[in-house]
Amino acid sequence: MAPRNKVFSLPQDVREELNEKLVSSGFQGYEALAGWLGERGYNVSKSSVHRYGQDLQEEFEEAMGDVRKTTELARAMANDGEDESGHLIDATARIVQDQLLRISIAMRKAEEDPAKAAKQLGSVTKALADIGRVSLSQKKWAKELRVEVAREAAEKAETSMATQGMSRDAIDAIKRDILGIA
């Protein structure tokens, strides 16, 4: 197994600042960034910063791709009218779940202290549970809405058919079809 990249040994706040510098520089200038770390008393080679930057760039581009997909999906849903089936929430939940999984894997790789990693993993797990609840609530609401719409349609159809002189048996059969009753 390859030795752990020295960048992961940096304090969290230094690593976060390094991440910001990498993103803002377009993932370039690794020699200058290694120098910047050296000025702060951290002996990290240009190669280590480069490897770390490449991994971060890959994650960044993947995350931005997911954001673009979600944005396009939201636009498509807006163009199609209301999202009564909850496709947008489902798609967003899937993307967030995927990202949370990646975060938990990255935390396991980066964290030396198992207790701290377990606490952070607990936060990720709670976020996943919250997403699941939102998705289930939305699906329940959508189902209730469909039932209510069908009920209203059945009532209107019944009134209309009764005024047209249809038999009670025919009206009841059509109502059962509308309501999805066998």
N, C-alpha and C. Protein backbone atom coordinates (compact mmCIF):
# COMPACT_ATOMS: atom_id res chain seq x y z
N MET A 1 0.84 -1.18 0.00
CA MET A 1 0.00 0.00 0.00
C MET A 1 0.88 1.24 0.00
N ALA A 2 0.55 2.21 -0.82
CA ALA A 2 1.33 3.44 -0.94
C ALA A 2 1.24 4.25 0.35
N PRO A 3 2.32 4.96 0.68
CA PRO A 3 2.25 5.80 1.88
C PRO A 3 1.22 6.91 1.72
N ARG A 4 0.68 7.34 2.82
CA ARG A 4 -0.35 8.37 2.82
C ARG A 4 0.24 9.71 2.39
N ASN A 5 -0.47 10.43 1.55
CA ASN A 5 -0.03 11.73 1.08
C ASN A 5 0.14 12.69 2.27
N LYS A 6 1.24 13.43 2.28
CA LYS A 6 1.54 14.34 3.40
C LYS A 6 0.49 15.44 3.54
N VAL A 7 -0.20 15.77 2.47
CA VAL A 7 -1.21 16.83 2.54
C VAL A 7 -2.28 16.45 3.56
N PHE A 8 -2.59 15.17 3.69
CA PHE A 8 -3.62 14.74 4.64
C PHE A 8 -3.16 14.90 6.08
N SER A 9 -1.88 15.12 6.30
CA SER A 9 -1.36 15.34 7.65
C SER A 9 -1.48 16.81 8.06
N LEU A 10 -1.79 17.67 7.12
CA LEU A 10 -1.94 19.09 7.43
C LEU A 10 -3.17 19.32 8.31
N PRO A 11 -3.12 20.36 9.14
CA PRO A 11 -4.33 20.70 9.90
C PRO A 11 -5.49 21.00 8.95
N GLN A 12 -6.69 20.74 9.40
CA GLN A 12 -7.88 20.89 8.57
C GLN A 12 -8.00 22.28 7.96
N ASP A 13 -7.75 23.34 8.77
CA ASP A 13 -7.90 24.70 8.25
C ASP A 13 -6.87 25.00 7.16
N VAL A 14 -5.66 24.47 7.27
CA VAL A 14 -4.63 24.66 6.25
C VAL A 14 -5.03 23.91 4.98
N ARG A 15 -5.55 22.69 5.15
CA ARG A 15 -5.98 21.90 3.99
C ARG A 15 -7.14 22.59 3.27
N GLU A 16 -8.07 23.17 4.04
CA GLU A 16 -9.19 23.87 3.42
C GLU A 16 -8.72 25.09 2.64
N GLU A 17 -7.74 25.81 3.20
CA GLU A 17 -7.18 26.96 2.49
C GLU A 17 -6.46 26.50 1.22
N LEU A 18 -5.74 25.39 1.33
CA LEU A 18 -5.08 24.82 0.15
C LEU A 18 -6.11 24.44 -0.91
N ASN A 19 -7.21 23.84 -0.49
CA ASN A 19 -8.28 23.49 -1.43
C ASN A 19 -8.80 24.73 -2.16
N GLU A 20 -9.02 25.80 -1.41
CA GLU A 20 -9.51 27.04 -2.02
C GLU A 20 -8.50 27.57 -3.04
N LYS A 21 -7.21 27.54 -2.68
CA LYS A 21 -6.17 28.02 -3.58
C LYS A 21 -6.09 27.15 -4.83
N LEU A 22 -6.24 25.84 -4.66
CA LEU A 22 -6.20 24.94 -5.82
C LEU A 22 -7.36 25.23 -6.77
N VAL A 23 -8.55 25.38 -6.22
CA VAL A 23 -9.73 25.64 -7.06
C VAL A 23 -9.61 27.00 -7.74
N SER A 24 -9.23 28.02 -6.98
CA SER A 24 -9.16 29.37 -7.56
C SER A 24 -8.05 29.50 -8.60
N SER A 25 -7.00 28.67 -8.49
CA SER A 25 -5.91 28.73 -9.48
C SER A 25 -6.17 27.82 -10.67
N GLY A 26 -7.29 27.17 -10.68
CA GLY A 26 -7.59 26.25 -11.78
C GLY A 26 -6.71 25.01 -11.71
N PHE A 27 -6.37 24.62 -10.50
CA PHE A 27 -5.55 23.43 -10.25
C PHE A 27 -4.20 23.53 -10.98
N GLN A 28 -3.57 24.69 -10.79
CA GLN A 28 -2.24 24.93 -11.37
C GLN A 28 -1.36 25.57 -10.30
N GLY A 29 -0.07 25.67 -10.60
CA GLY A 29 0.85 26.35 -9.70
C GLY A 29 1.22 25.54 -8.47
N TYR A 30 1.46 24.26 -8.68
CA TYR A 30 1.75 23.37 -7.56
C TYR A 30 3.06 23.73 -6.85
N GLU A 31 4.04 24.19 -7.60
CA GLU A 31 5.32 24.56 -7.00
C GLU A 31 5.13 25.74 -6.04
N ALA A 32 4.36 26.73 -6.49
CA ALA A 32 4.08 27.89 -5.65
C ALA A 32 3.29 27.48 -4.41
N LEU A 33 2.38 26.56 -4.56
CA LEU A 33 1.59 26.11 -3.41
C LEU A 33 2.45 25.33 -2.41
N ALA A 34 3.38 24.54 -2.93
CA ALA A 34 4.31 23.84 -2.04
C ALA A 34 5.16 24.87 -1.29
N GLY A 35 5.56 25.93 -1.98
CA GLY A 35 6.31 27.02 -1.34
C GLY A 35 5.49 27.72 -0.28
N TRP A 36 4.22 27.97 -0.60
CA TRP A 36 3.31 28.60 0.35
C TRP A 36 3.19 27.75 1.63
N LEU A 37 3.07 26.45 1.46
CA LEU A 37 2.99 25.55 2.62
C LEU A 37 4.31 25.60 3.41
N GLY A 38 5.45 25.63 2.69
CA GLY A 38 6.75 25.70 3.34
C GLY A 38 6.89 26.96 4.18
N GLU A 39 6.37 28.09 3.67
CA GLU A 39 6.41 29.35 4.42
C GLU A 39 5.64 29.24 5.73
N ARG A 40 4.68 28.37 5.77
CA ARG A 40 3.87 28.17 6.98
C ARG A 40 4.43 27.06 7.87
N GLY A 41 5.55 26.51 7.47
CA GLY A 41 6.22 25.52 8.31
C GLY A 41 5.85 24.08 7.99
N TYR A 42 5.21 23.83 6.86
CA TYR A 42 4.82 22.47 6.48
C TYR A 42 5.68 22.03 5.30
N ASN A 43 6.42 20.97 5.49
CA ASN A 43 7.32 20.45 4.46
C ASN A 43 6.57 19.43 3.60
N VAL A 44 5.95 19.93 2.53
CA VAL A 44 5.19 19.09 1.61
C VAL A 44 5.75 19.32 0.22
N SER A 45 6.11 18.26 -0.45
CA SER A 45 6.72 18.38 -1.78
C SER A 45 5.71 18.83 -2.83
N LYS A 46 6.27 19.37 -3.91
CA LYS A 46 5.44 19.77 -5.06
C LYS A 46 4.68 18.56 -5.58
N SER A 47 5.33 17.39 -5.61
CA SER A 47 4.69 16.16 -6.10
C SER A 47 3.50 15.76 -5.25
N SER A 48 3.63 15.89 -3.94
CA SER A 48 2.51 15.56 -3.05
C SER A 48 1.34 16.51 -3.27
N VAL A 49 1.66 17.81 -3.40
CA VAL A 49 0.61 18.79 -3.65
C VAL A 49 -0.06 18.50 -5.00
N HIS A 50 0.75 18.11 -5.98
CA HIS A 50 0.23 17.82 -7.32
C HIS A 50 -0.71 16.62 -7.29
N ARG A 51 -0.29 15.53 -6.64
CA ARG A 51 -1.16 14.34 -6.54
C ARG A 51 -2.47 14.67 -5.83
N TYR A 52 -2.34 15.40 -4.72
CA TYR A 52 -3.51 15.80 -3.97
C TYR A 52 -4.42 16.69 -4.84
N GLY A 53 -3.81 17.63 -5.55
CA GLY A 53 -4.57 18.54 -6.42
C GLY A 53 -5.28 17.80 -7.54
N GLN A 54 -4.64 16.80 -8.11
CA GLN A 54 -5.28 16.02 -9.18
C GLN A 54 -6.51 15.29 -8.65
N ASP A 55 -6.37 14.69 -7.46
CA ASP A 55 -7.52 14.00 -6.86
C ASP A 55 -8.66 14.98 -6.56
N LEU A 56 -8.28 16.14 -6.01
CA LEU A 56 -9.29 17.15 -5.70
C LEU A 56 -9.96 17.66 -6.97
N GLN A 57 -9.18 17.86 -8.03
CA GLN A 57 -9.73 18.33 -9.29
C GLN A 57 -10.73 17.32 -9.86
N GLU A 58 -10.40 16.04 -9.77
CA GLU A 58 -11.30 15.00 -10.25
C GLU A 58 -12.62 15.03 -9.48
N GLU A 59 -12.53 15.13 -8.15
CA GLU A 59 -13.73 15.21 -7.32
C GLU A 59 -14.53 16.48 -7.63
N PHE A 60 -13.81 17.59 -7.81
CA PHE A 60 -14.45 18.87 -8.11
C PHE A 60 -15.21 18.81 -9.42
N GLU A 61 -14.57 18.29 -10.46
CA GLU A 61 -15.21 18.21 -11.76
C GLU A 61 -16.41 17.26 -11.74
N GLU A 62 -16.29 16.19 -10.99
CA GLU A 62 -17.41 15.26 -10.87
C GLU A 62 -18.58 15.93 -10.16
N ALA A 63 -18.28 16.67 -9.09
CA ALA A 63 -19.33 17.37 -8.35
C ALA A 63 -19.98 18.43 -9.23
N MET A 64 -19.18 19.16 -10.01
CA MET A 64 -19.74 20.18 -10.88
C MET A 64 -20.60 19.54 -11.97
N GLY A 65 -20.20 18.37 -12.44
CA GLY A 65 -21.02 17.64 -13.41
C GLY A 65 -22.37 17.28 -12.82
N ASP A 66 -22.36 16.85 -11.55
CA ASP A 66 -23.62 16.52 -10.89
C ASP A 66 -24.50 17.75 -10.73
N VAL A 67 -23.87 18.88 -10.42
CA VAL A 67 -24.64 20.13 -10.29
C VAL A 67 -25.26 20.49 -11.64
N ARG A 68 -24.49 20.35 -12.72
CA ARG A 68 -25.03 20.64 -14.04
C ARG A 68 -26.19 19.71 -14.38
N LYS A 69 -26.05 18.41 -14.04
CA LYS A 69 -27.13 17.47 -14.31
C LYS A 69 -28.39 17.86 -13.55
N THR A 70 -28.22 18.20 -12.28
CA THR A 70 -29.37 18.58 -11.46
C THR A 70 -30.03 19.84 -12.00
N THR A 71 -29.21 20.80 -12.41
CA THR A 71 -29.74 22.04 -12.97
C THR A 71 -30.53 21.77 -14.23
N GLU A 72 -29.99 20.94 -15.12
CA GLU A 72 -30.70 20.60 -16.36
C GLU A 72 -31.99 19.86 -16.07
N LEU A 73 -31.94 18.96 -15.09
CA LEU A 73 -33.14 18.22 -14.70
C LEU A 73 -34.19 19.18 -14.16
N ALA A 74 -33.77 20.13 -13.33
CA ALA A 74 -34.71 21.11 -12.78
C ALA A 74 -35.34 21.95 -13.89
N ARG A 75 -34.51 22.34 -14.87
CA ARG A 75 -35.03 23.10 -16.00
C ARG A 75 -36.06 22.29 -16.78
N ALA A 76 -35.75 21.02 -17.01
CA ALA A 76 -36.68 20.16 -17.75
C ALA A 76 -37.99 20.00 -16.99
N MET A 77 -37.89 19.84 -15.69
CA MET A 77 -39.10 19.69 -14.87
C MET A 77 -39.93 20.97 -14.91
N ALA A 78 -39.26 22.11 -14.86
CA ALA A 78 -39.97 23.39 -14.90
C ALA A 78 -40.67 23.56 -16.24
N ASN A 79 -40.04 23.09 -17.31
CA ASN A 79 -40.64 23.19 -18.64
C ASN A 79 -41.83 22.26 -18.79
N ASP A 80 -41.80 21.13 -18.10
CA ASP A 80 -42.89 20.15 -18.19
C ASP A 80 -44.07 20.50 -17.29
N GLY A 81 -43.94 21.53 -16.49
CA GLY A 81 -45.01 21.88 -15.56
C GLY A 81 -44.65 21.38 -14.18
N GLU A 82 -45.65 21.19 -13.37
CA GLU A 82 -45.40 20.77 -12.00
C GLU A 82 -44.89 19.35 -11.94
N ASP A 83 -44.05 19.11 -10.95
CA ASP A 83 -43.43 17.79 -10.77
C ASP A 83 -44.21 17.02 -9.71
N GLU A 84 -45.42 16.60 -10.06
CA GLU A 84 -46.27 15.92 -9.09
C GLU A 84 -45.74 14.55 -8.71
N SER A 85 -44.98 13.92 -9.58
CA SER A 85 -44.46 12.59 -9.28
C SER A 85 -43.19 12.64 -8.45
N GLY A 86 -42.62 13.82 -8.26
CA GLY A 86 -41.44 13.94 -7.43
C GLY A 86 -40.16 13.52 -8.09
N HIS A 87 -40.11 13.55 -9.42
CA HIS A 87 -38.90 13.13 -10.12
C HIS A 87 -37.70 14.00 -9.74
N LEU A 88 -37.93 15.30 -9.58
CA LEU A 88 -36.83 16.21 -9.25
C LEU A 88 -36.28 15.89 -7.86
N ILE A 89 -37.16 15.68 -6.90
CA ILE A 89 -36.70 15.35 -5.56
C ILE A 89 -35.95 14.03 -5.57
N ASP A 90 -36.48 13.03 -6.28
CA ASP A 90 -35.81 11.74 -6.36
C ASP A 90 -34.42 11.87 -6.98
N ALA A 91 -34.33 12.60 -8.07
CA ALA A 91 -33.03 12.76 -8.75
C ALA A 91 -32.05 13.50 -7.85
N THR A 92 -32.52 14.56 -7.20
CA THR A 92 -31.65 15.32 -6.30
C THR A 92 -31.23 14.45 -5.12
N ALA A 93 -32.15 13.69 -4.58
CA ALA A 93 -31.81 12.80 -3.45
C ALA A 93 -30.76 11.79 -3.87
N ARG A 94 -30.88 11.24 -5.08
CA ARG A 94 -29.88 10.27 -5.54
C ARG A 94 -28.50 10.92 -5.66
N ILE A 95 -28.46 12.13 -6.18
CA ILE A 95 -27.18 12.82 -6.32
C ILE A 95 -26.59 13.13 -4.95
N VAL A 96 -27.43 13.62 -4.03
CA VAL A 96 -26.93 13.93 -2.69
C VAL A 96 -26.47 12.66 -1.98
N GLN A 97 -27.22 11.57 -2.12
CA GLN A 97 -26.80 10.31 -1.52
C GLN A 97 -25.45 9.86 -2.07
N ASP A 98 -25.28 10.01 -3.37
CA ASP A 98 -24.01 9.65 -3.99
C ASP A 98 -22.88 10.51 -3.42
N GLN A 99 -23.12 11.81 -3.29
CA GLN A 99 -22.10 12.70 -2.76
C GLN A 99 -21.79 12.38 -1.29
N LEU A 100 -22.82 12.08 -0.51
CA LEU A 100 -22.59 11.74 0.89
C LEU A 100 -21.78 10.44 1.01
N LEU A 101 -22.03 9.51 0.13
CA LEU A 101 -21.24 8.28 0.13
C LEU A 101 -19.78 8.60 -0.17
N ARG A 102 -19.56 9.45 -1.15
CA ARG A 102 -18.18 9.84 -1.49
C ARG A 102 -17.51 10.56 -0.33
N ILE A 103 -18.28 11.41 0.34
CA ILE A 103 -17.74 12.14 1.49
C ILE A 103 -17.34 11.15 2.58
N SER A 104 -18.19 10.18 2.85
CA SER A 104 -17.87 9.21 3.91
C SER A 104 -16.63 8.40 3.56
N ILE A 105 -16.48 8.04 2.28
CA ILE A 105 -15.28 7.31 1.86
C ILE A 105 -14.04 8.20 2.02
N ALA A 106 -14.16 9.45 1.60
CA ALA A 106 -13.03 10.39 1.72
C ALA A 106 -12.67 10.62 3.18
N MET A 107 -13.68 10.69 4.04
CA MET A 107 -13.40 10.88 5.47
C MET A 107 -12.64 9.70 6.04
N ARG A 108 -13.03 8.51 5.65
CA ARG A 108 -12.33 7.32 6.14
C ARG A 108 -10.88 7.33 5.69
N LYS A 109 -10.64 7.77 4.47
CA LYS A 109 -9.27 7.81 3.96
C LYS A 109 -8.44 8.89 4.65
N ALA A 110 -9.05 10.04 4.91
CA ALA A 110 -8.31 11.19 5.39
C ALA A 110 -8.17 11.24 6.91
N GLU A 111 -9.03 10.60 7.63
CA GLU A 111 -9.06 10.74 9.08
C GLU A 111 -8.24 9.66 9.77
N GLU A 112 -7.32 10.12 10.62
CA GLU A 112 -6.50 9.17 11.37
C GLU A 112 -7.20 8.73 12.66
N ASP A 113 -8.00 9.63 13.24
CA ASP A 113 -8.66 9.36 14.51
C ASP A 113 -10.00 8.66 14.26
N PRO A 114 -10.09 7.36 14.58
CA PRO A 114 -11.34 6.62 14.31
C PRO A 114 -12.56 7.21 15.02
N ALA A 115 -12.39 7.74 16.22
CA ALA A 115 -13.52 8.32 16.94
C ALA A 115 -14.06 9.55 16.21
N LYS A 116 -13.16 10.38 15.71
CA LYS A 116 -13.58 11.58 14.97
C LYS A 116 -14.26 11.18 13.67
N ALA A 117 -13.69 10.19 12.98
CA ALA A 117 -14.29 9.72 11.73
C ALA A 117 -15.69 9.15 11.99
N ALA A 118 -15.85 8.41 13.09
CA ALA A 118 -17.15 7.83 13.42
C ALA A 118 -18.18 8.93 13.69
N LYS A 119 -17.76 10.00 14.37
CA LYS A 119 -18.67 11.11 14.65
C LYS A 119 -19.10 11.77 13.34
N GLN A 120 -18.15 12.00 12.44
CA GLN A 120 -18.47 12.62 11.16
C GLN A 120 -19.36 11.70 10.33
N LEU A 121 -19.08 10.42 10.39
CA LEU A 121 -19.89 9.46 9.66
C LEU A 121 -21.33 9.46 10.19
N GLY A 122 -21.47 9.69 11.49
CA GLY A 122 -22.80 9.81 12.08
C GLY A 122 -23.58 10.97 11.48
N SER A 123 -22.89 12.07 11.23
CA SER A 123 -23.53 13.24 10.60
C SER A 123 -23.97 12.92 9.18
N VAL A 124 -23.12 12.20 8.46
CA VAL A 124 -23.46 11.81 7.09
C VAL A 124 -24.66 10.88 7.10
N THR A 125 -24.67 9.93 8.02
CA THR A 125 -25.78 8.98 8.12
C THR A 125 -27.09 9.71 8.43
N LYS A 126 -27.03 10.71 9.31
CA LYS A 126 -28.23 11.49 9.64
C LYS A 126 -28.73 12.23 8.39
N ALA A 127 -27.81 12.79 7.62
CA ALA A 127 -28.20 13.50 6.40
C ALA A 127 -28.87 12.55 5.42
N LEU A 128 -28.34 11.34 5.27
CA LEU A 128 -28.96 10.34 4.39
C LEU A 128 -30.37 10.00 4.86
N ALA A 129 -30.53 9.85 6.18
CA ALA A 129 -31.86 9.53 6.72
C ALA A 129 -32.84 10.67 6.45
N ASP A 130 -32.37 11.91 6.61
CA ASP A 130 -33.23 13.07 6.34
C ASP A 130 -33.67 13.09 4.88
N ILE A 131 -32.75 12.81 3.98
CA ILE A 131 -33.09 12.77 2.55
C ILE A 131 -34.13 11.69 2.28
N GLY A 132 -33.95 10.53 2.90
CA GLY A 132 -34.91 9.44 2.73
C GLY A 132 -36.30 9.83 3.20
N ARG A 133 -36.36 10.53 4.35
CA ARG A 133 -37.66 10.97 4.87
C ARG A 133 -38.33 11.98 3.93
N VAL A 134 -37.54 12.90 3.39
CA VAL A 134 -38.10 13.89 2.47
C VAL A 134 -38.66 13.19 1.24
N SER A 135 -37.91 12.24 0.71
CA SER A 135 -38.34 11.52 -0.49
C SER A 135 -39.62 10.74 -0.21
N LEU A 136 -39.67 10.03 0.91
CA LEU A 136 -40.87 9.26 1.25
C LEU A 136 -42.08 10.17 1.47
N SER A 137 -41.86 11.29 2.15
CA SER A 137 -42.97 12.23 2.39
C SER A 137 -43.51 12.77 1.08
N GLN A 138 -42.62 13.09 0.16
CA GLN A 138 -43.05 13.62 -1.13
C GLN A 138 -43.84 12.58 -1.90
N LYS A 139 -43.38 11.32 -1.86
CA LYS A 139 -44.10 10.26 -2.58
C LYS A 139 -45.48 10.02 -1.96
N LYS A 140 -45.54 10.08 -0.63
CA LYS A 140 -46.83 9.91 0.05
C LYS A 140 -47.78 11.04 -0.34
N TRP A 141 -47.27 12.28 -0.37
CA TRP A 141 -48.08 13.42 -0.75
C TRP A 141 -48.57 13.26 -2.19
N ALA A 142 -47.69 12.84 -3.09
CA ALA A 142 -48.06 12.68 -4.50
C ALA A 142 -49.15 11.62 -4.65
N LYS A 143 -49.04 10.53 -3.89
CA LYS A 143 -50.06 9.48 -3.95
C LYS A 143 -51.40 9.99 -3.44
N GLU A 144 -51.37 10.71 -2.32
CA GLU A 144 -52.60 11.28 -1.77
C GLU A 144 -53.24 12.26 -2.75
N LEU A 145 -52.41 13.05 -3.42
CA LEU A 145 -52.90 13.99 -4.41
C LEU A 145 -53.57 13.27 -5.57
N ARG A 146 -52.95 12.19 -6.06
CA ARG A 146 -53.55 11.42 -7.16
C ARG A 146 -54.89 10.84 -6.75
N VAL A 147 -54.99 10.34 -5.52
CA VAL A 147 -56.25 9.77 -5.03
C VAL A 147 -57.32 10.86 -4.97
N GLU A 148 -56.94 12.03 -4.46
CA GLU A 148 -57.90 13.13 -4.36
C GLU A 148 -58.36 13.59 -5.74
N VAL A 149 -57.46 13.69 -6.68
CA VAL A 149 -57.81 14.09 -8.05
C VAL A 149 -58.75 13.05 -8.67
N ALA A 150 -58.46 11.78 -8.45
CA ALA A 150 -59.33 10.72 -8.99
C ALA A 150 -60.71 10.79 -8.37
N ARG A 151 -60.78 11.05 -7.06
CA ARG A 151 -62.07 11.16 -6.38
C ARG A 151 -62.91 12.31 -6.96
N GLU A 152 -62.23 13.46 -7.15
CA GLU A 152 -62.94 14.61 -7.72
C GLU A 152 -63.40 14.31 -9.15
N ALA A 153 -62.57 13.64 -9.91
CA ALA A 153 -62.94 13.29 -11.29
C ALA A 153 -64.12 12.33 -11.29
N ALA A 154 -64.11 11.37 -10.38
CA ALA A 154 -65.20 10.40 -10.30
C ALA A 154 -66.52 11.09 -9.94
N GLU A 155 -66.45 12.05 -9.00
CA GLU A 155 -67.66 12.78 -8.60
C GLU A 155 -68.22 13.59 -9.77
N LYS A 156 -67.32 14.29 -10.49
CA LYS A 156 -67.77 15.08 -11.64
C LYS A 156 -68.33 14.19 -12.73
N ALA A 157 -67.68 13.05 -12.95
CA ALA A 157 -68.16 12.12 -13.98
C ALA A 157 -69.52 11.57 -13.58
N GLU A 158 -69.68 11.24 -12.31
CA GLU A 158 -70.96 10.71 -11.84
C GLU A 158 -72.08 11.71 -12.07
N THR A 159 -71.85 12.97 -11.72
CA THR A 159 -72.87 14.01 -11.91
C THR A 159 -73.21 14.16 -13.39
N SER A 160 -72.17 14.21 -14.20
CA SER A 160 -72.37 14.38 -15.64
C SER A 160 -73.12 13.18 -16.24
N MET A 161 -72.73 11.98 -15.85
CA MET A 161 -73.37 10.78 -16.42
C MET A 161 -74.82 10.65 -15.96
N ALA A 162 -75.08 11.06 -14.70
CA ALA A 162 -76.45 10.98 -14.18
C ALA A 162 -77.36 11.93 -14.95
N THR A 163 -76.85 13.11 -15.28
CA THR A 163 -77.68 14.06 -16.03
C THR A 163 -77.88 13.61 -17.47
N GLN A 164 -77.01 12.72 -17.97
CA GLN A 164 -77.14 12.19 -19.33
C GLN A 164 -78.05 10.97 -19.37
N GLY A 165 -78.50 10.52 -18.18
CA GLY A 165 -79.44 9.41 -18.12
C GLY A 165 -78.80 8.03 -18.12
N MET A 166 -77.54 7.91 -17.73
CA MET A 166 -76.89 6.59 -17.67
C MET A 166 -77.45 5.79 -16.49
N SER A 167 -77.39 4.50 -16.63
CA SER A 167 -77.87 3.64 -15.55
C SER A 167 -76.90 3.70 -14.37
N ARG A 168 -77.42 3.40 -13.18
CA ARG A 168 -76.61 3.42 -11.95
C ARG A 168 -75.46 2.42 -12.06
N ASP A 169 -75.72 1.24 -12.64
CA ASP A 169 -74.67 0.22 -12.78
C ASP A 169 -73.53 0.72 -13.68
N ALA A 170 -73.87 1.38 -14.77
CA ALA A 170 -72.85 1.91 -15.68
C ALA A 170 -72.04 3.01 -14.99
N ILE A 171 -72.75 3.89 -14.27
CA ILE A 171 -72.07 4.97 -13.54
C ILE A 171 -71.11 4.38 -12.51
N ASP A 172 -71.57 3.39 -11.74
CA ASP A 172 -70.72 2.78 -10.72
C ASP A 172 -69.51 2.09 -11.34
N ALA A 173 -69.69 1.45 -12.48
CA ALA A 173 -68.58 0.77 -13.15
C ALA A 173 -67.53 1.78 -13.61
N ILE A 174 -67.97 2.89 -14.16
CA ILE A 174 -67.04 3.93 -14.62
C ILE A 174 -66.33 4.57 -13.43
N LYS A 175 -67.06 4.81 -12.34
CA LYS A 175 -66.43 5.38 -11.13
C LYS A 175 -65.35 4.46 -10.60
N ARG A 176 -65.65 3.14 -10.59
CA ARG A 176 -64.64 2.17 -10.11
C ARG A 176 -63.40 2.21 -10.99
N ASP A 177 -63.61 2.34 -12.31
CA ASP A 177 -62.46 2.45 -13.22
C ASP A 177 -61.63 3.69 -12.93
N ILE A 178 -62.30 4.80 -12.73
CA ILE A 178 -61.60 6.07 -12.45
C ILE A 178 -60.82 5.96 -11.13
N LEU A 179 -61.43 5.37 -10.13
CA LEU A 179 -60.80 5.27 -8.80
C LEU A 179 -59.82 4.10 -8.70
N GLY A 180 -59.79 3.24 -9.71
CA GLY A 180 -58.87 2.11 -9.68
C GLY A 180 -59.30 1.02 -8.73
N ILE A 181 -60.61 0.88 -8.56
CA ILE A 181 -61.17 -0.15 -7.69
C ILE A 181 -61.58 -1.34 -8.53
N ALA A 182 -61.15 -2.52 -8.11
CA ALA A 182 -61.46 -3.73 -8.87
C ALA A 182 -62.92 -4.08 -8.77
